[in-house]
């Protein structure tokens, strides 16, 4: 499941493994990645390669000033698979703890209720 969620045609990270290679590798590569992830899970320590990233500056506007750049980090493809698995397993627990009253930075939720409360308070104070 996590392998299918990898985005294609993206730059590789430090491992130089494109997502298309892993997706096209079938069960053989999937099994090897599974063994790697189980090994990392049992050791409770990330691989050193997963702790490194390639930082690439991207220009925001045509004007080439240092303030007009933002950076992205290119991560290892196998680390992306591992982090997707963690995310999919932890999300239900996080949603249960957070509940319905905290909406910021959650899927399919917005902070419109804060806007509505502010509007009501402004009208009351007028």
PDB file of N, CA and C in Angstrom:
ATOM      1  N   UNK A   1       0.823  -1.188   0.000  1.00  0.00           N
ATOM      2  CA  UNK A   1       0.000   0.000   0.000  1.00  0.00           C
ATOM      3  C   UNK A   1       0.871   1.257   0.000  1.00  0.00           C
ATOM      4  N   UNK A   2       1.879   1.302   0.861  1.00  0.00           N
ATOM      5  CA  UNK A   2       2.737   2.488   0.940  1.00  0.00           C
ATOM      6  C   UNK A   2       3.553   2.655  -0.335  1.00  0.00           C
ATOM      7  N   UNK A   3       3.892   1.547  -0.981  1.00  0.00           N
ATOM      8  CA  UNK A   3       4.665   1.629  -2.225  1.00  0.00           C
ATOM      9  C   UNK A   3       3.821   2.245  -3.331  1.00  0.00           C
ATOM     10  N   UNK A   4       2.561   1.882  -3.406  1.00  0.00           N
ATOM     11  CA  UNK A   4       1.685   2.442  -4.441  1.00  0.00           C
ATOM     12  C   UNK A   4       1.450   3.933  -4.246  1.00  0.00           C
ATOM     13  N   UNK A   5       1.565   4.408  -3.004  1.00  0.00           N
ATOM     14  CA  UNK A   5       1.338   5.824  -2.712  1.00  0.00           C
ATOM     15  C   UNK A   5       2.516   6.719  -3.091  1.00  0.00           C
ATOM     16  N   UNK A   6       3.665   6.131  -3.424  1.00  0.00           N
ATOM     17  CA  UNK A   6       4.816   6.932  -3.834  1.00  0.00           C
ATOM     18  C   UNK A   6       4.487   7.707  -5.093  1.00  0.00           C
ATOM     19  N   UNK A   7       4.901   8.960  -5.142  1.00  0.00           N
ATOM     20  CA  UNK A   7       4.666   9.783  -6.317  1.00  0.00           C
ATOM     21  C   UNK A   7       5.747   9.496  -7.359  1.00  0.00           C
ATOM     22  N   UNK A   8       5.321   9.327  -8.594  1.00  0.00           N
ATOM     23  CA  UNK A   8       6.253   9.055  -9.684  1.00  0.00           C
ATOM     24  C   UNK A   8       6.839  10.349 -10.234  1.00  0.00           C
ATOM     25  N   UNK A   9       7.910  10.220 -10.964  1.00  0.00           N
ATOM     26  CA  UNK A   9       8.576  11.337 -11.649  1.00  0.00           C
ATOM     27  C   UNK A   9       9.012  12.428 -10.676  1.00  0.00           C
ATOM     28  N   UNK A  10       9.569  12.015  -9.546  1.00  0.00           N
ATOM     29  CA  UNK A  10      10.109  12.950  -8.558  1.00  0.00           C
ATOM     30  C   UNK A  10      11.617  12.718  -8.459  1.00  0.00           C
ATOM     31  N   UNK A  11      12.315  13.705  -7.967  1.00  0.00           N
ATOM     32  CA  UNK A  11      13.757  13.563  -7.787  1.00  0.00           C
ATOM     33  C   UNK A  11      14.050  12.561  -6.680  1.00  0.00           C
ATOM     34  N   UNK A  12      15.131  11.810  -6.869  1.00  0.00           N
ATOM     35  CA  UNK A  12      15.524  10.819  -5.875  1.00  0.00           C
ATOM     36  C   UNK A  12      16.266  11.499  -4.744  1.00  0.00           C
ATOM     37  N   UNK A  13      16.276  10.825  -3.620  1.00  0.00           N
ATOM     38  CA  UNK A  13      17.023  11.314  -2.467  1.00  0.00           C
ATOM     39  C   UNK A  13      18.440  10.788  -2.492  1.00  0.00           C
ATOM     40  N   UNK A  14      19.009  10.658  -1.318  1.00  0.00           N
ATOM     41  CA  UNK A  14      20.406  10.250  -1.193  1.00  0.00           C
ATOM     42  C   UNK A  14      20.641   8.819  -1.675  1.00  0.00           C
ATOM     43  N   UNK A  15      19.604   7.985  -1.661  1.00  0.00           N
ATOM     44  CA  UNK A  15      19.762   6.596  -2.099  1.00  0.00           C
ATOM     45  C   UNK A  15      19.739   6.447  -3.628  1.00  0.00           C
ATOM     46  N   UNK A  16      19.313   7.490  -4.324  1.00  0.00           N
ATOM     47  CA  UNK A  16      19.258   7.497  -5.795  1.00  0.00           C
ATOM     48  C   UNK A  16      18.378   6.379  -6.360  1.00  0.00           C
ATOM     49  N   UNK A  17      17.349   5.985  -5.607  1.00  0.00           N
ATOM     50  CA  UNK A  17      16.404   4.962  -6.070  1.00  0.00           C
ATOM     51  C   UNK A  17      15.124   5.662  -6.487  1.00  0.00           C
ATOM     52  N   UNK A  18      14.779   5.632  -7.782  1.00  0.00           N
ATOM     53  CA  UNK A  18      13.530   6.270  -8.202  1.00  0.00           C
ATOM     54  C   UNK A  18      12.311   5.456  -7.756  1.00  0.00           C
ATOM     55  N   UNK A  19      11.229   6.136  -7.494  1.00  0.00           N
ATOM     56  CA  UNK A  19       9.992   5.475  -7.062  1.00  0.00           C
ATOM     57  C   UNK A  19       9.495   4.502  -8.126  1.00  0.00           C
ATOM     58  N   UNK A  20       9.723   4.831  -9.394  1.00  0.00           N
ATOM     59  CA  UNK A  20       9.264   3.959 -10.481  1.00  0.00           C
ATOM     60  C   UNK A  20       9.943   2.591 -10.419  1.00  0.00           C
ATOM     61  N   UNK A  21      11.205   2.564  -9.999  1.00  0.00           N
ATOM     62  CA  UNK A  21      11.929   1.295  -9.879  1.00  0.00           C
ATOM     63  C   UNK A  21      11.298   0.418  -8.807  1.00  0.00           C
ATOM     64  N   UNK A  22      10.976   1.019  -7.670  1.00  0.00           N
ATOM     65  CA  UNK A  22      10.367   0.252  -6.582  1.00  0.00           C
ATOM     66  C   UNK A  22       8.956  -0.196  -6.968  1.00  0.00           C
ATOM     67  N   UNK A  23       8.201   0.690  -7.596  1.00  0.00           N
ATOM     68  CA  UNK A  23       6.844   0.327  -8.019  1.00  0.00           C
ATOM     69  C   UNK A  23       6.867  -0.798  -9.053  1.00  0.00           C
ATOM     70  N   UNK A  24       7.834  -0.748  -9.960  1.00  0.00           N
ATOM     71  CA  UNK A  24       7.909  -1.755 -11.016  1.00  0.00           C
ATOM     72  C   UNK A  24       8.591  -3.040 -10.586  1.00  0.00           C
ATOM     73  N   UNK A  25       9.183  -3.048  -9.398  1.00  0.00           N
ATOM     74  CA  UNK A  25       9.930  -4.213  -8.928  1.00  0.00           C
ATOM     75  C   UNK A  25       9.077  -5.370  -8.474  1.00  0.00           C
ATOM     76  N   UNK A  26       7.807  -5.137  -8.284  1.00  0.00           N
ATOM     77  CA  UNK A  26       6.900  -6.211  -7.901  1.00  0.00           C
ATOM     78  C   UNK A  26       7.137  -6.735  -6.500  1.00  0.00           C
ATOM     79  N   UNK A  27       6.789  -7.999  -6.323  1.00  0.00           N
ATOM     80  CA  UNK A  27       6.865  -8.622  -5.001  1.00  0.00           C
ATOM     81  C   UNK A  27       8.291  -8.752  -4.482  1.00  0.00           C
ATOM     82  N   UNK A  28       9.239  -8.958  -5.383  1.00  0.00           N
ATOM     83  CA  UNK A  28      10.623  -9.166  -4.949  1.00  0.00           C
ATOM     84  C   UNK A  28      11.165  -7.954  -4.218  1.00  0.00           C
ATOM     85  N   UNK A  29      11.057  -6.785  -4.825  1.00  0.00           N
ATOM     86  CA  UNK A  29      11.534  -5.567  -4.176  1.00  0.00           C
ATOM     87  C   UNK A  29      10.666  -5.240  -2.964  1.00  0.00           C
ATOM     88  N   UNK A  30       9.368  -5.447  -3.090  1.00  0.00           N
ATOM     89  CA  UNK A  30       8.459  -5.210  -1.968  1.00  0.00           C
ATOM     90  C   UNK A  30       8.829  -6.050  -0.755  1.00  0.00           C
ATOM     91  N   UNK A  31       9.196  -7.320  -0.991  1.00  0.00           N
ATOM     92  CA  UNK A  31       9.587  -8.198   0.101  1.00  0.00           C
ATOM     93  C   UNK A  31      10.889  -7.733   0.744  1.00  0.00           C
ATOM     94  N   UNK A  32      11.847  -7.309  -0.063  1.00  0.00           N
ATOM     95  CA  UNK A  32      13.130  -6.837   0.474  1.00  0.00           C
ATOM     96  C   UNK A  32      12.947  -5.554   1.291  1.00  0.00           C
ATOM     97  N   UNK A  33      12.101  -4.652   0.820  1.00  0.00           N
ATOM     98  CA  UNK A  33      11.821  -3.425   1.569  1.00  0.00           C
ATOM     99  C   UNK A  33      11.095  -3.768   2.873  1.00  0.00           C
ATOM    100  N   UNK A  34      10.206  -4.739   2.812  1.00  0.00           N
ATOM    101  CA  UNK A  34       9.506  -5.187   4.010  1.00  0.00           C
ATOM    102  C   UNK A  34      10.505  -5.707   5.047  1.00  0.00           C
ATOM    103  N   UNK A  35      11.462  -6.521   4.616  1.00  0.00           N
ATOM    104  CA  UNK A  35      12.493  -7.029   5.530  1.00  0.00           C
ATOM    105  C   UNK A  35      13.300  -5.885   6.130  1.00  0.00           C
ATOM    106  N   UNK A  36      13.641  -4.894   5.300  1.00  0.00           N
ATOM    107  CA  UNK A  36      14.403  -3.741   5.777  1.00  0.00           C
ATOM    108  C   UNK A  36      13.625  -2.972   6.841  1.00  0.00           C
ATOM    109  N   UNK A  37      12.346  -2.727   6.588  1.00  0.00           N
ATOM    110  CA  UNK A  37      11.515  -1.964   7.522  1.00  0.00           C
ATOM    111  C   UNK A  37      11.315  -2.738   8.824  1.00  0.00           C
ATOM    112  N   UNK A  38      11.117  -4.039   8.746  1.00  0.00           N
ATOM    113  CA  UNK A  38      10.979  -4.865   9.953  1.00  0.00           C
ATOM    114  C   UNK A  38      12.272  -4.820  10.764  1.00  0.00           C
ATOM    115  N   UNK A  39      13.404  -4.866  10.075  1.00  0.00           N
ATOM    116  CA  UNK A  39      14.699  -4.789  10.752  1.00  0.00           C
ATOM    117  C   UNK A  39      14.862  -3.455  11.477  1.00  0.00           C
ATOM    118  N   UNK A  40      14.516  -2.363  10.806  1.00  0.00           N
ATOM    119  CA  UNK A  40      14.605  -1.029  11.422  1.00  0.00           C
ATOM    120  C   UNK A  40      13.658  -0.946  12.612  1.00  0.00           C
ATOM    121  N   UNK A  41      12.466  -1.480  12.456  1.00  0.00           N
ATOM    122  CA  UNK A  41      11.473  -1.445  13.533  1.00  0.00           C
ATOM    123  C   UNK A  41      11.967  -2.209  14.761  1.00  0.00           C
ATOM    124  N   UNK A  42      12.538  -3.383  14.538  1.00  0.00           N
ATOM    125  CA  UNK A  42      13.007  -4.206  15.654  1.00  0.00           C
ATOM    126  C   UNK A  42      14.218  -3.590  16.352  1.00  0.00           C
ATOM    127  N   UNK A  43      15.105  -2.947  15.593  1.00  0.00           N
ATOM    128  CA  UNK A  43      16.282  -2.312  16.182  1.00  0.00           C
ATOM    129  C   UNK A  43      15.940  -0.986  16.856  1.00  0.00           C
ATOM    130  N   UNK A  44      14.793  -0.418  16.495  1.00  0.00           N
ATOM    131  CA  UNK A  44      14.332   0.871  17.026  1.00  0.00           C
ATOM    132  C   UNK A  44      15.335   1.990  16.761  1.00  0.00           C
ATOM    133  N   UNK A  45      15.973   1.927  15.602  1.00  0.00           N
ATOM    134  CA  UNK A  45      16.914   2.967  15.211  1.00  0.00           C
ATOM    135  C   UNK A  45      16.901   3.110  13.694  1.00  0.00           C
ATOM    136  N   UNK A  46      16.804   4.361  13.244  1.00  0.00           N
ATOM    137  CA  UNK A  46      16.792   4.616  11.805  1.00  0.00           C
ATOM    138  C   UNK A  46      18.161   4.364  11.191  1.00  0.00           C
ATOM    139  N   UNK A  47      18.152   4.017   9.923  1.00  0.00           N
ATOM    140  CA  UNK A  47      19.400   3.891   9.182  1.00  0.00           C
ATOM    141  C   UNK A  47      20.037   5.269   9.050  1.00  0.00           C
ATOM    142  N   UNK A  48      21.348   5.320   9.046  1.00  0.00           N
ATOM    143  CA  UNK A  48      22.051   6.602   8.903  1.00  0.00           C
ATOM    144  C   UNK A  48      21.676   7.284   7.591  1.00  0.00           C
ATOM    145  N   UNK A  49      21.489   6.507   6.545  1.00  0.00           N
ATOM    146  CA  UNK A  49      21.122   7.058   5.236  1.00  0.00           C
ATOM    147  C   UNK A  49      19.770   7.767   5.296  1.00  0.00           C
ATOM    148  N   UNK A  50      18.877   7.290   6.147  1.00  0.00           N
ATOM    149  CA  UNK A  50      17.554   7.888   6.268  1.00  0.00           C
ATOM    150  C   UNK A  50      17.596   9.206   7.022  1.00  0.00           C
ATOM    151  N   UNK A  51      18.656   9.458   7.741  1.00  0.00           N
ATOM    152  CA  UNK A  51      18.786  10.695   8.503  1.00  0.00           C
ATOM    153  C   UNK A  51      19.355  11.832   7.669  1.00  0.00           C
ATOM    154  N   UNK A  52      19.766  11.527   6.451  1.00  0.00           N
ATOM    155  CA  UNK A  52      20.361  12.529   5.575  1.00  0.00           C
ATOM    156  C   UNK A  52      19.381  12.909   4.469  1.00  0.00           C
ATOM    157  N   UNK A  53      19.509  14.124   3.994  1.00  0.00           N
ATOM    158  CA  UNK A  53      18.690  14.564   2.867  1.00  0.00           C
ATOM    159  C   UNK A  53      19.522  15.492   1.988  1.00  0.00           C
ATOM    160  N   UNK A  54      19.068  15.655   0.782  1.00  0.00           N
ATOM    161  CA  UNK A  54      19.692  16.596  -0.143  1.00  0.00           C
ATOM    162  C   UNK A  54      18.822  17.839  -0.152  1.00  0.00           C
ATOM    163  N   UNK A  55      19.380  18.979   0.224  1.00  0.00           N
ATOM    164  CA  UNK A  55      18.618  20.227   0.274  1.00  0.00           C
ATOM    165  C   UNK A  55      18.833  20.976  -1.033  1.00  0.00           C
ATOM    166  N   UNK A  56      17.720  21.277  -1.697  1.00  0.00           N
ATOM    167  CA  UNK A  56      17.765  21.936  -3.003  1.00  0.00           C
ATOM    168  C   UNK A  56      17.064  23.287  -2.892  1.00  0.00           C
ATOM    169  N   UNK A  57      17.741  24.378  -3.252  1.00  0.00           N
ATOM    170  CA  UNK A  57      17.071  25.689  -3.237  1.00  0.00           C
ATOM    171  C   UNK A  57      16.208  25.864  -4.493  1.00  0.00           C
ATOM    172  N   UNK A  58      15.012  26.358  -4.296  1.00  0.00           N
ATOM    173  CA  UNK A  58      14.106  26.656  -5.407  1.00  0.00           C
ATOM    174  C   UNK A  58      13.788  28.134  -5.404  1.00  0.00           C
ATOM    175  N   UNK A  59      13.805  28.730  -6.574  1.00  0.00           N
ATOM    176  CA  UNK A  59      13.521  30.159  -6.673  1.00  0.00           C
ATOM    177  C   UNK A  59      12.013  30.368  -6.616  1.00  0.00           C
ATOM    178  N   UNK A  60      11.592  31.367  -5.876  1.00  0.00           N
ATOM    179  CA  UNK A  60      10.165  31.693  -5.765  1.00  0.00           C
ATOM    180  C   UNK A  60       9.724  32.622  -6.877  1.00  0.00           C
ATOM    181  N   UNK A  61      10.554  33.591  -7.170  1.00  0.00           N
ATOM    182  CA  UNK A  61      10.229  34.582  -8.196  1.00  0.00           C
ATOM    183  C   UNK A  61      11.393  34.693  -9.157  1.00  0.00           C
ATOM    184  N   UNK A  62      11.193  35.479 -10.177  1.00  0.00           N
ATOM    185  CA  UNK A  62      12.226  35.664 -11.192  1.00  0.00           C
ATOM    186  C   UNK A  62      13.428  36.422 -10.621  1.00  0.00           C
ATOM    187  N   UNK A  63      13.202  37.281  -9.642  1.00  0.00           N
ATOM    188  CA  UNK A  63      14.281  38.063  -9.043  1.00  0.00           C
ATOM    189  C   UNK A  63      15.169  37.116  -8.232  1.00  0.00           C
ATOM    190  N   UNK A  64      16.449  37.097  -8.561  1.00  0.00           N
ATOM    191  CA  UNK A  64      17.354  36.154  -7.909  1.00  0.00           C
ATOM    192  C   UNK A  64      18.030  36.791  -6.699  1.00  0.00           C
ATOM    193  N   UNK A  65      17.302  36.848  -5.614  1.00  0.00           N
ATOM    194  CA  UNK A  65      17.822  37.307  -4.338  1.00  0.00           C
ATOM    195  C   UNK A  65      17.716  36.153  -3.350  1.00  0.00           C
ATOM    196  N   UNK A  66      18.510  36.196  -2.330  1.00  0.00           N
ATOM    197  CA  UNK A  66      18.484  35.102  -1.352  1.00  0.00           C
ATOM    198  C   UNK A  66      17.135  34.988  -0.651  1.00  0.00           C
ATOM    199  N   UNK A  67      16.420  36.084  -0.520  1.00  0.00           N
ATOM    200  CA  UNK A  67      15.119  36.039   0.156  1.00  0.00           C
ATOM    201  C   UNK A  67      14.035  35.440  -0.730  1.00  0.00           C
ATOM    202  N   UNK A  68      14.301  35.281  -2.015  1.00  0.00           N
ATOM    203  CA  UNK A  68      13.306  34.742  -2.934  1.00  0.00           C
ATOM    204  C   UNK A  68      13.465  33.244  -3.164  1.00  0.00           C
ATOM    205  N   UNK A  69      14.225  32.586  -2.329  1.00  0.00           N
ATOM    206  CA  UNK A  69      14.416  31.152  -2.457  1.00  0.00           C
ATOM    207  C   UNK A  69      13.744  30.429  -1.303  1.00  0.00           C
ATOM    208  N   UNK A  70      13.289  29.246  -1.587  1.00  0.00           N
ATOM    209  CA  UNK A  70      12.850  28.336  -0.539  1.00  0.00           C
ATOM    210  C   UNK A  70      13.566  27.023  -0.814  1.00  0.00           C
ATOM    211  N   UNK A  71      13.640  26.175   0.152  1.00  0.00           N
ATOM    212  CA  UNK A  71      14.369  24.932  -0.065  1.00  0.00           C
ATOM    213  C   UNK A  71      13.459  23.734   0.144  1.00  0.00           C
ATOM    214  N   UNK A  72      13.789  22.655  -0.535  1.00  0.00           N
ATOM    215  CA  UNK A  72      13.103  21.384  -0.327  1.00  0.00           C
ATOM    216  C   UNK A  72      14.165  20.346   0.025  1.00  0.00           C
ATOM    217  N   UNK A  73      13.766  19.345   0.764  1.00  0.00           N
ATOM    218  CA  UNK A  73      14.674  18.264   1.138  1.00  0.00           C
ATOM    219  C   UNK A  73      14.289  17.012   0.374  1.00  0.00           C
ATOM    220  N   UNK A  74      15.238  16.447  -0.339  1.00  0.00           N
ATOM    221  CA  UNK A  74      15.014  15.204  -1.063  1.00  0.00           C
ATOM    222  C   UNK A  74      15.381  14.047  -0.131  1.00  0.00           C
ATOM    223  N   UNK A  75      14.389  13.241   0.204  1.00  0.00           N
ATOM    224  CA  UNK A  75      14.572  12.155   1.158  1.00  0.00           C
ATOM    225  C   UNK A  75      14.729  10.819   0.446  1.00  0.00           C
ATOM    226  N   UNK A  76      15.275   9.861   1.152  1.00  0.00           N
ATOM    227  CA  UNK A  76      15.437   8.507   0.632  1.00  0.00           C
ATOM    228  C   UNK A  76      14.069   7.907   0.325  1.00  0.00           C
ATOM    229  N   UNK A  77      13.976   7.189  -0.778  1.00  0.00           N
ATOM    230  CA  UNK A  77      12.698   6.595  -1.196  1.00  0.00           C
ATOM    231  C   UNK A  77      12.232   5.537  -0.206  1.00  0.00           C
ATOM    232  N   UNK A  78      13.153   4.733   0.306  1.00  0.00           N
ATOM    233  CA  UNK A  78      12.749   3.720   1.278  1.00  0.00           C
ATOM    234  C   UNK A  78      12.293   4.354   2.599  1.00  0.00           C
ATOM    235  N   UNK A  79      12.890   5.495   2.945  1.00  0.00           N
ATOM    236  CA  UNK A  79      12.441   6.211   4.137  1.00  0.00           C
ATOM    237  C   UNK A  79      11.025   6.751   3.932  1.00  0.00           C
ATOM    238  N   UNK A  80      10.714   7.199   2.721  1.00  0.00           N
ATOM    239  CA  UNK A  80       9.356   7.682   2.438  1.00  0.00           C
ATOM    240  C   UNK A  80       8.341   6.562   2.633  1.00  0.00           C
ATOM    241  N   UNK A  81       8.694   5.362   2.211  1.00  0.00           N
ATOM    242  CA  UNK A  81       7.793   4.217   2.395  1.00  0.00           C
ATOM    243  C   UNK A  81       7.592   3.961   3.886  1.00  0.00           C
ATOM    244  N   UNK A  82       8.682   3.948   4.642  1.00  0.00           N
ATOM    245  CA  UNK A  82       8.618   3.729   6.087  1.00  0.00           C
ATOM    246  C   UNK A  82       7.761   4.795   6.766  1.00  0.00           C
ATOM    247  N   UNK A  83       7.970   6.054   6.402  1.00  0.00           N
ATOM    248  CA  UNK A  83       7.215   7.129   7.044  1.00  0.00           C
ATOM    249  C   UNK A  83       5.735   7.087   6.650  1.00  0.00           C
ATOM    250  N   UNK A  84       5.420   6.659   5.425  1.00  0.00           N
ATOM    251  CA  UNK A  84       4.015   6.508   5.027  1.00  0.00           C
ATOM    252  C   UNK A  84       3.330   5.413   5.841  1.00  0.00           C
ATOM    253  N   UNK A  85       4.054   4.334   6.111  1.00  0.00           N
ATOM    254  CA  UNK A  85       3.492   3.253   6.929  1.00  0.00           C
ATOM    255  C   UNK A  85       3.232   3.756   8.350  1.00  0.00           C
ATOM    256  N   UNK A  86       4.205   4.472   8.916  1.00  0.00           N
ATOM    257  CA  UNK A  86       4.012   5.033  10.259  1.00  0.00           C
ATOM    258  C   UNK A  86       2.823   5.986  10.303  1.00  0.00           C
ATOM    259  N   UNK A  87       2.750   6.862   9.310  1.00  0.00           N
ATOM    260  CA  UNK A  87       1.660   7.832   9.256  1.00  0.00           C
ATOM    261  C   UNK A  87       0.304   7.148   9.190  1.00  0.00           C
ATOM    262  N   UNK A  88       0.179   6.157   8.318  1.00  0.00           N
ATOM    263  CA  UNK A  88      -1.120   5.491   8.170  1.00  0.00           C
ATOM    264  C   UNK A  88      -1.517   4.728   9.431  1.00  0.00           C
ATOM    265  N   UNK A  89      -0.532   4.251  10.206  1.00  0.00           N
ATOM    266  CA  UNK A  89      -0.848   3.534  11.438  1.00  0.00           C
ATOM    267  C   UNK A  89      -1.095   4.455  12.622  1.00  0.00           C
ATOM    268  N   UNK A  90      -0.474   5.633  12.635  1.00  0.00           N
ATOM    269  CA  UNK A  90      -0.633   6.541  13.769  1.00  0.00           C
ATOM    270  C   UNK A  90      -1.803   7.509  13.624  1.00  0.00           C
ATOM    271  N   UNK A  91      -2.235   7.786  12.406  1.00  0.00           N
ATOM    272  CA  UNK A  91      -3.304   8.757  12.169  1.00  0.00           C
ATOM    273  C   UNK A  91      -4.591   8.434  12.932  1.00  0.00           C
ATOM    274  N   UNK A  92      -5.081   7.182  12.911  1.00  0.00           N
ATOM    275  CA  UNK A  92      -6.318   6.924  13.668  1.00  0.00           C
ATOM    276  C   UNK A  92      -6.185   7.226  15.162  1.00  0.00           C
ATOM    277  N   UNK A  93      -5.042   6.925  15.755  1.00  0.00           N
ATOM    278  CA  UNK A  93      -4.844   7.212  17.176  1.00  0.00           C
ATOM    279  C   UNK A  93      -4.784   8.712  17.432  1.00  0.00           C
ATOM    280  N   UNK A  94      -4.111   9.423  16.550  1.00  0.00           N
ATOM    281  CA  UNK A  94      -4.014  10.880  16.711  1.00  0.00           C
ATOM    282  C   UNK A  94      -5.385  11.525  16.582  1.00  0.00           C
ATOM    283  N   UNK A  95      -6.187  11.080  15.611  1.00  0.00           N
ATOM    284  CA  UNK A  95      -7.531  11.640  15.433  1.00  0.00           C
ATOM    285  C   UNK A  95      -8.403  11.364  16.651  1.00  0.00           C
ATOM    286  N   UNK A  96      -8.220  10.202  17.256  1.00  0.00           N
ATOM    287  CA  UNK A  96      -8.992   9.857  18.453  1.00  0.00           C
ATOM    288  C   UNK A  96      -8.616  10.766  19.621  1.00  0.00           C
ATOM    289  N   UNK A  97      -7.332  11.063  19.763  1.00  0.00           N
ATOM    290  CA  UNK A  97      -6.868  11.913  20.857  1.00  0.00           C
ATOM    291  C   UNK A  97      -7.263  13.367  20.619  1.00  0.00           C
ATOM    292  N   UNK A  98      -7.079  13.839  19.393  1.00  0.00           N
ATOM    293  CA  UNK A  98      -7.346  15.245  19.077  1.00  0.00           C
ATOM    294  C   UNK A  98      -8.833  15.548  19.148  1.00  0.00           C
ATOM    295  N   UNK A  99      -9.658  14.666  18.626  1.00  0.00           N
ATOM    296  CA  UNK A  99     -11.102  14.869  18.658  1.00  0.00           C
ATOM    297  C   UNK A  99     -11.574  15.876  17.628  1.00  0.00           C
ATOM    298  N   UNK A 100     -12.810  16.302  17.777  1.00  0.00           N
ATOM    299  CA  UNK A 100     -13.429  17.204  16.804  1.00  0.00           C
ATOM    300  C   UNK A 100     -13.178  18.676  17.090  1.00  0.00           C
ATOM    301  N   UNK A 101     -12.701  19.014  18.274  1.00  0.00           N
ATOM    302  CA  UNK A 101     -12.582  20.419  18.633  1.00  0.00           C
ATOM    303  C   UNK A 101     -11.312  21.082  18.091  1.00  0.00           C
ATOM    304  N   UNK A 102     -10.291  20.319  17.677  1.00  0.00           N
ATOM    305  CA  UNK A 102      -9.093  20.901  17.079  1.00  0.00           C
ATOM    306  C   UNK A 102      -9.071  20.560  15.598  1.00  0.00           C
ATOM    307  N   UNK A 103      -9.138  21.567  14.757  1.00  0.00           N
ATOM    308  CA  UNK A 103      -9.292  21.318  13.324  1.00  0.00           C
ATOM    309  C   UNK A 103      -8.083  21.709  12.487  1.00  0.00           C
ATOM    310  N   UNK A 104      -7.205  22.527  12.976  1.00  0.00           N
ATOM    311  CA  UNK A 104      -6.092  23.001  12.166  1.00  0.00           C
ATOM    312  C   UNK A 104      -5.159  21.879  11.744  1.00  0.00           C
ATOM    313  N   UNK A 105      -4.700  21.913  10.511  1.00  0.00           N
ATOM    314  CA  UNK A 105      -3.742  20.964   9.949  1.00  0.00           C
ATOM    315  C   UNK A 105      -4.240  19.527   9.944  1.00  0.00           C
ATOM    316  N   UNK A 106      -5.530  19.332   9.767  1.00  0.00           N
ATOM    317  CA  UNK A 106      -6.087  17.994   9.647  1.00  0.00           C
ATOM    318  C   UNK A 106      -6.781  17.874   8.303  1.00  0.00           C
ATOM    319  N   UNK A 107      -6.789  16.664   7.771  1.00  0.00           N
ATOM    320  CA  UNK A 107      -7.430  16.420   6.482  1.00  0.00           C
ATOM    321  C   UNK A 107      -8.926  16.707   6.569  1.00  0.00           C
ATOM    322  N   UNK A 108      -9.428  17.333   5.535  1.00  0.00           N
ATOM    323  CA  UNK A 108     -10.859  17.624   5.395  1.00  0.00           C
ATOM    324  C   UNK A 108     -11.425  18.453   6.542  1.00  0.00           C
ATOM    325  N   UNK A 109     -10.580  19.248   7.167  1.00  0.00           N
ATOM    326  CA  UNK A 109     -11.036  20.135   8.235  1.00  0.00           C
ATOM    327  C   UNK A 109     -10.502  21.522   7.962  1.00  0.00           C
ATOM    328  N   UNK A 110     -11.232  22.510   8.393  1.00  0.00           N
ATOM    329  CA  UNK A 110     -10.759  23.877   8.233  1.00  0.00           C
ATOM    330  C   UNK A 110     -10.942  24.612   9.549  1.00  0.00           C
ATOM    331  N   UNK A 111     -10.500  25.835   9.563  1.00  0.00           N
ATOM    332  CA  UNK A 111     -10.633  26.650  10.766  1.00  0.00           C
ATOM    333  C   UNK A 111     -11.743  27.683  10.589  1.00  0.00           C
ATOM    334  N   UNK A 112     -12.746  27.353   9.786  1.00  0.00           N
ATOM    335  CA  UNK A 112     -13.863  28.279   9.555  1.00  0.00           C
ATOM    336  C   UNK A 112     -14.616  28.609  10.831  1.00  0.00           C
ATOM    337  N   UNK A 113     -14.659  27.686  11.774  1.00  0.00           N
ATOM    338  CA  UNK A 113     -15.388  27.966  13.017  1.00  0.00           C
ATOM    339  C   UNK A 113     -14.739  29.120  13.783  1.00  0.00           C
ATOM    340  N   UNK A 114     -13.417  29.261  13.685  1.00  0.00           N
ATOM    341  CA  UNK A 114     -12.742  30.392  14.337  1.00  0.00           C
ATOM    342  C   UNK A 114     -13.170  31.696  13.672  1.00  0.00           C
ATOM    343  N   UNK A 115     -13.233  31.689  12.347  1.00  0.00           N
ATOM    344  CA  UNK A 115     -13.671  32.870  11.608  1.00  0.00           C
ATOM    345  C   UNK A 115     -15.096  33.239  12.013  1.00  0.00           C
ATOM    346  N   UNK A 116     -15.967  32.245  12.113  1.00  0.00           N
ATOM    347  CA  UNK A 116     -17.365  32.497  12.482  1.00  0.00           C
ATOM    348  C   UNK A 116     -17.472  33.095  13.891  1.00  0.00           C
ATOM    349  N   UNK A 117     -16.697  32.558  14.815  1.00  0.00           N
ATOM    350  CA  UNK A 117     -16.724  33.091  16.181  1.00  0.00           C
ATOM    351  C   UNK A 117     -16.250  34.535  16.198  1.00  0.00           C
ATOM    352  N   UNK A 118     -15.184  34.835  15.445  1.00  0.00           N
ATOM    353  CA  UNK A 118     -14.676  36.213  15.375  1.00  0.00           C
ATOM    354  C   UNK A 118     -15.725  37.154  14.794  1.00  0.00           C
ATOM    355  N   UNK A 119     -16.434  36.724  13.763  1.00  0.00           N
ATOM    356  CA  UNK A 119     -17.469  37.543  13.149  1.00  0.00           C
ATOM    357  C   UNK A 119     -18.606  37.805  14.138  1.00  0.00           C
ATOM    358  N   UNK A 120     -19.005  36.780  14.867  1.00  0.00           N
ATOM    359  CA  UNK A 120     -20.075  36.946  15.850  1.00  0.00           C
ATOM    360  C   UNK A 120     -19.651  37.924  16.940  1.00  0.00           C
ATOM    361  N   UNK A 121     -18.426  37.795  17.418  1.00  0.00           N
ATOM    362  CA  UNK A 121     -17.942  38.707  18.466  1.00  0.00           C
ATOM    363  C   UNK A 121     -17.831  40.152  17.956  1.00  0.00           C
ATOM    364  N   UNK A 122     -17.377  40.327  16.727  1.00  0.00           N
ATOM    365  CA  UNK A 122     -17.308  41.669  16.156  1.00  0.00           C
ATOM    366  C   UNK A 122     -18.676  42.301  16.064  1.00  0.00           C
ATOM    367  N   UNK A 123     -19.685  41.550  15.632  1.00  0.00           N
ATOM    368  CA  UNK A 123     -21.036  42.103  15.517  1.00  0.00           C
ATOM    369  C   UNK A 123     -21.621  42.418  16.892  1.00  0.00           C
ATOM    370  N   UNK A 124     -21.271  41.609  17.869  1.00  0.00           N
ATOM    371  CA  UNK A 124     -21.770  41.864  19.222  1.00  0.00           C
ATOM    372  C   UNK A 124     -21.166  43.155  19.791  1.00  0.00           C
ATOM    373  N   UNK A 125     -19.897  43.429  19.489  1.00  0.00           N
ATOM    374  CA  UNK A 125     -19.216  44.601  20.015  1.00  0.00           C
ATOM    375  C   UNK A 125     -19.571  45.876  19.289  1.00  0.00           C
ATOM    376  N   UNK A 126     -20.218  45.773  18.138  1.00  0.00           N
ATOM    377  CA  UNK A 126     -20.582  46.994  17.366  1.00  0.00           C
ATOM    378  C   UNK A 126     -21.682  47.766  18.011  1.00  0.00           C
TER     379      UNK A 126
END
